[in-house]
Amino acid sequence: MSFVIEEEEVDRLPINVDPEIMSGTPIFEGTRVPVDALLNNLAAGVSLDEFLENFPTVSREQALVVLKVSSDSPREDSSPDYS
């Protein structure tokens, strides 16, 4: 699962999107941790504290900003639709 954000919002977030880093996957600024790692871990039942323990290069502040924006943004489910 991922969230959809407007291009102009990216500049205000603590994330980096660079084709030279992780093939352009959105990552937390200053790290190589994909933003989707946070969302997927939380969806799997991992607590925020546990995520931050497992990914110490991501700050709590970065994670909270992304979670705030993701809660306000439409979701994009990458699962195939078999209906």
N, C-alpha and C. Protein backbone atom coordinates (compact mmCIF):
# COMPACT_ATOMS: atom_id res chain seq x y z
N MET A 1 0.85 -1.17 0.00
CA MET A 1 0.00 0.00 0.00
C MET A 1 0.90 1.23 0.00
N SER A 2 0.50 2.22 -0.74
CA SER A 2 1.22 3.49 -0.75
C SER A 2 0.21 4.61 -0.79
N PHE A 3 0.70 5.82 -0.57
CA PHE A 3 -0.21 6.94 -0.64
C PHE A 3 0.18 7.84 -1.80
N VAL A 4 -0.77 8.61 -2.24
CA VAL A 4 -0.57 9.48 -3.39
C VAL A 4 -0.46 10.91 -2.88
N ILE A 5 0.60 11.60 -3.30
CA ILE A 5 0.75 13.00 -2.90
C ILE A 5 0.98 13.84 -4.14
N GLU A 6 0.58 15.08 -4.04
CA GLU A 6 0.79 16.01 -5.13
C GLU A 6 2.28 16.34 -5.22
N GLU A 7 2.76 16.58 -6.42
CA GLU A 7 4.18 16.83 -6.65
C GLU A 7 4.70 18.01 -5.83
N GLU A 8 3.90 19.07 -5.71
CA GLU A 8 4.37 20.24 -4.96
C GLU A 8 4.47 19.96 -3.46
N GLU A 9 3.76 18.95 -2.96
CA GLU A 9 3.86 18.59 -1.55
C GLU A 9 5.17 17.88 -1.23
N VAL A 10 5.76 17.22 -2.19
CA VAL A 10 6.99 16.46 -1.97
C VAL A 10 8.08 17.37 -1.40
N ASP A 11 8.17 18.59 -1.90
CA ASP A 11 9.22 19.51 -1.43
C ASP A 11 9.06 19.87 0.04
N ARG A 12 7.86 19.75 0.56
CA ARG A 12 7.63 20.10 1.97
C ARG A 12 7.76 18.91 2.90
N LEU A 13 8.02 17.74 2.36
CA LEU A 13 8.12 16.53 3.16
C LEU A 13 9.58 16.14 3.38
N PRO A 14 9.84 15.40 4.47
CA PRO A 14 11.21 14.93 4.74
C PRO A 14 11.53 13.69 3.93
N ILE A 15 11.25 13.76 2.61
CA ILE A 15 11.55 12.63 1.75
C ILE A 15 12.35 13.11 0.55
N ASN A 16 12.97 12.16 -0.11
CA ASN A 16 13.77 12.45 -1.28
C ASN A 16 13.36 11.49 -2.39
N VAL A 17 13.19 12.03 -3.58
CA VAL A 17 12.90 11.21 -4.75
C VAL A 17 13.96 11.56 -5.79
N ASP A 18 14.88 10.64 -6.00
CA ASP A 18 16.01 10.87 -6.89
C ASP A 18 16.24 9.60 -7.69
N PRO A 19 16.19 9.69 -9.03
CA PRO A 19 16.39 8.49 -9.84
C PRO A 19 17.74 7.81 -9.59
N GLU A 20 18.70 8.54 -9.06
CA GLU A 20 20.02 7.98 -8.79
C GLU A 20 20.08 7.23 -7.45
N ILE A 21 19.05 7.39 -6.62
CA ILE A 21 19.02 6.74 -5.30
C ILE A 21 17.82 5.80 -5.26
N MET A 22 18.07 4.54 -5.07
CA MET A 22 17.02 3.53 -4.97
C MET A 22 16.06 3.59 -6.16
N SER A 23 16.59 3.89 -7.33
CA SER A 23 15.82 3.94 -8.58
C SER A 23 14.62 4.89 -8.53
N GLY A 24 14.74 5.93 -7.73
CA GLY A 24 13.67 6.93 -7.65
C GLY A 24 12.57 6.61 -6.67
N THR A 25 12.72 5.53 -5.90
CA THR A 25 11.75 5.21 -4.86
C THR A 25 11.77 6.30 -3.81
N PRO A 26 10.62 6.81 -3.39
CA PRO A 26 10.62 7.83 -2.33
C PRO A 26 11.24 7.25 -1.05
N ILE A 27 12.24 7.94 -0.54
CA ILE A 27 12.94 7.51 0.68
C ILE A 27 12.92 8.64 1.69
N PHE A 28 13.11 8.29 2.95
CA PHE A 28 13.24 9.31 3.98
C PHE A 28 14.54 10.07 3.72
N GLU A 29 14.46 11.39 3.76
CA GLU A 29 15.61 12.25 3.48
C GLU A 29 16.79 11.87 4.37
N GLY A 30 17.95 11.76 3.75
CA GLY A 30 19.18 11.43 4.48
C GLY A 30 19.35 9.96 4.77
N THR A 31 18.46 9.13 4.22
CA THR A 31 18.53 7.69 4.45
C THR A 31 18.38 6.96 3.12
N ARG A 32 18.36 5.65 3.19
CA ARG A 32 18.02 4.82 2.03
C ARG A 32 16.79 3.97 2.37
N VAL A 33 16.00 4.45 3.33
CA VAL A 33 14.81 3.73 3.79
C VAL A 33 13.60 4.22 2.99
N PRO A 34 12.96 3.31 2.24
CA PRO A 34 11.77 3.71 1.49
C PRO A 34 10.62 4.12 2.41
N VAL A 35 9.89 5.14 2.00
CA VAL A 35 8.74 5.59 2.77
C VAL A 35 7.73 4.46 2.90
N ASP A 36 7.57 3.66 1.86
CA ASP A 36 6.63 2.53 1.92
C ASP A 36 7.00 1.52 3.01
N ALA A 37 8.27 1.49 3.42
CA ALA A 37 8.66 0.57 4.49
C ALA A 37 7.91 0.93 5.77
N LEU A 38 7.75 2.21 6.04
CA LEU A 38 7.00 2.63 7.23
C LEU A 38 5.54 2.20 7.11
N LEU A 39 4.92 2.53 5.98
CA LEU A 39 3.50 2.22 5.81
C LEU A 39 3.25 0.72 5.83
N ASN A 40 4.10 -0.04 5.18
CA ASN A 40 3.93 -1.50 5.14
C ASN A 40 4.16 -2.13 6.51
N ASN A 41 5.15 -1.64 7.25
CA ASN A 41 5.39 -2.17 8.60
C ASN A 41 4.21 -1.89 9.52
N LEU A 42 3.70 -0.66 9.47
CA LEU A 42 2.56 -0.32 10.32
C LEU A 42 1.34 -1.15 9.94
N ALA A 43 1.12 -1.35 8.65
CA ALA A 43 -0.01 -2.16 8.18
C ALA A 43 0.13 -3.61 8.64
N ALA A 44 1.37 -4.06 8.83
CA ALA A 44 1.62 -5.43 9.28
C ALA A 44 1.56 -5.56 10.80
N GLY A 45 1.29 -4.45 11.49
CA GLY A 45 1.15 -4.51 12.94
C GLY A 45 2.38 -4.12 13.73
N VAL A 46 3.43 -3.66 13.04
CA VAL A 46 4.64 -3.21 13.73
C VAL A 46 4.35 -1.83 14.31
N SER A 47 4.75 -1.60 15.54
CA SER A 47 4.53 -0.29 16.15
C SER A 47 5.52 0.73 15.58
N LEU A 48 5.18 2.00 15.72
CA LEU A 48 6.08 3.06 15.27
C LEU A 48 7.42 2.96 15.99
N ASP A 49 7.39 2.73 17.30
CA ASP A 49 8.64 2.61 18.05
C ASP A 49 9.50 1.46 17.54
N GLU A 50 8.87 0.35 17.23
CA GLU A 50 9.62 -0.80 16.72
C GLU A 50 10.20 -0.49 15.34
N PHE A 51 9.41 0.17 14.49
CA PHE A 51 9.91 0.57 13.18
C PHE A 51 11.15 1.46 13.34
N LEU A 52 11.07 2.45 14.21
CA LEU A 52 12.19 3.37 14.41
C LEU A 52 13.40 2.65 14.99
N GLU A 53 13.17 1.65 15.80
CA GLU A 53 14.27 0.84 16.33
C GLU A 53 14.93 0.04 15.21
N ASN A 54 14.11 -0.48 14.30
CA ASN A 54 14.63 -1.28 13.19
C ASN A 54 15.28 -0.42 12.10
N PHE A 55 14.88 0.83 12.00
CA PHE A 55 15.41 1.75 10.99
C PHE A 55 15.89 3.03 11.69
N PRO A 56 17.02 2.95 12.41
CA PRO A 56 17.46 4.06 13.25
C PRO A 56 17.85 5.33 12.48
N THR A 57 18.01 5.24 11.16
CA THR A 57 18.34 6.46 10.41
C THR A 57 17.11 7.33 10.16
N VAL A 58 15.92 6.78 10.38
CA VAL A 58 14.68 7.55 10.24
C VAL A 58 14.35 8.17 11.59
N SER A 59 14.13 9.48 11.60
CA SER A 59 13.79 10.14 12.86
C SER A 59 12.29 10.03 13.12
N ARG A 60 11.92 10.14 14.37
CA ARG A 60 10.51 10.12 14.75
C ARG A 60 9.77 11.26 14.05
N GLU A 61 10.40 12.42 13.97
CA GLU A 61 9.78 13.58 13.34
C GLU A 61 9.48 13.30 11.86
N GLN A 62 10.44 12.70 11.16
CA GLN A 62 10.22 12.35 9.75
C GLN A 62 9.02 11.41 9.62
N ALA A 63 9.00 10.38 10.44
CA ALA A 63 7.92 9.40 10.36
C ALA A 63 6.57 10.04 10.66
N LEU A 64 6.51 10.90 11.66
CA LEU A 64 5.24 11.52 12.02
C LEU A 64 4.73 12.44 10.93
N VAL A 65 5.62 13.18 10.27
CA VAL A 65 5.20 14.05 9.17
C VAL A 65 4.62 13.21 8.03
N VAL A 66 5.31 12.14 7.68
CA VAL A 66 4.83 11.27 6.60
C VAL A 66 3.49 10.65 6.99
N LEU A 67 3.35 10.22 8.23
CA LEU A 67 2.08 9.63 8.65
C LEU A 67 0.96 10.65 8.62
N LYS A 68 1.24 11.87 9.01
CA LYS A 68 0.22 12.93 8.97
C LYS A 68 -0.23 13.16 7.54
N VAL A 69 0.71 13.29 6.62
CA VAL A 69 0.36 13.52 5.23
C VAL A 69 -0.35 12.31 4.64
N SER A 70 0.11 11.11 5.00
CA SER A 70 -0.52 9.91 4.44
C SER A 70 -1.94 9.75 4.94
N SER A 71 -2.22 10.20 6.15
CA SER A 71 -3.59 10.08 6.67
C SER A 71 -4.52 11.07 5.98
N ASP A 72 -3.96 12.14 5.42
CA ASP A 72 -4.75 13.15 4.71
C ASP A 72 -4.82 12.91 3.22
N SER A 73 -4.10 11.89 2.71
CA SER A 73 -3.97 11.67 1.27
C SER A 73 -4.76 10.45 0.82
N PRO A 74 -5.18 10.44 -0.45
CA PRO A 74 -5.84 9.24 -0.97
C PRO A 74 -4.88 8.07 -1.01
N ARG A 75 -5.40 6.87 -0.86
CA ARG A 75 -4.58 5.65 -0.87
C ARG A 75 -4.55 5.07 -2.27
N GLU A 76 -3.45 4.43 -2.57
CA GLU A 76 -3.33 3.68 -3.82
C GLU A 76 -2.96 2.27 -3.45
N ASP A 77 -3.87 1.35 -3.70
CA ASP A 77 -3.63 -0.05 -3.40
C ASP A 77 -3.02 -0.69 -4.61
N SER A 78 -1.82 -1.21 -4.48
CA SER A 78 -1.12 -1.80 -5.61
C SER A 78 -1.50 -3.26 -5.80
N SER A 79 -2.45 -3.77 -5.02
CA SER A 79 -2.87 -5.16 -5.16
C SER A 79 -3.69 -5.31 -6.43
N PRO A 80 -3.53 -6.42 -7.12
CA PRO A 80 -4.32 -6.63 -8.34
C PRO A 80 -5.80 -6.78 -8.00
N ASP A 81 -6.64 -6.33 -8.91
CA ASP A 81 -8.08 -6.45 -8.76
C ASP A 81 -8.53 -7.68 -9.54
N TYR A 82 -8.98 -8.70 -8.85
CA TYR A 82 -9.37 -9.94 -9.50
C TYR A 82 -10.88 -10.04 -9.70
N SER A 83 -11.59 -8.96 -9.54
CA SER A 83 -13.04 -9.04 -9.70
C SER A 83 -13.46 -8.93 -11.15
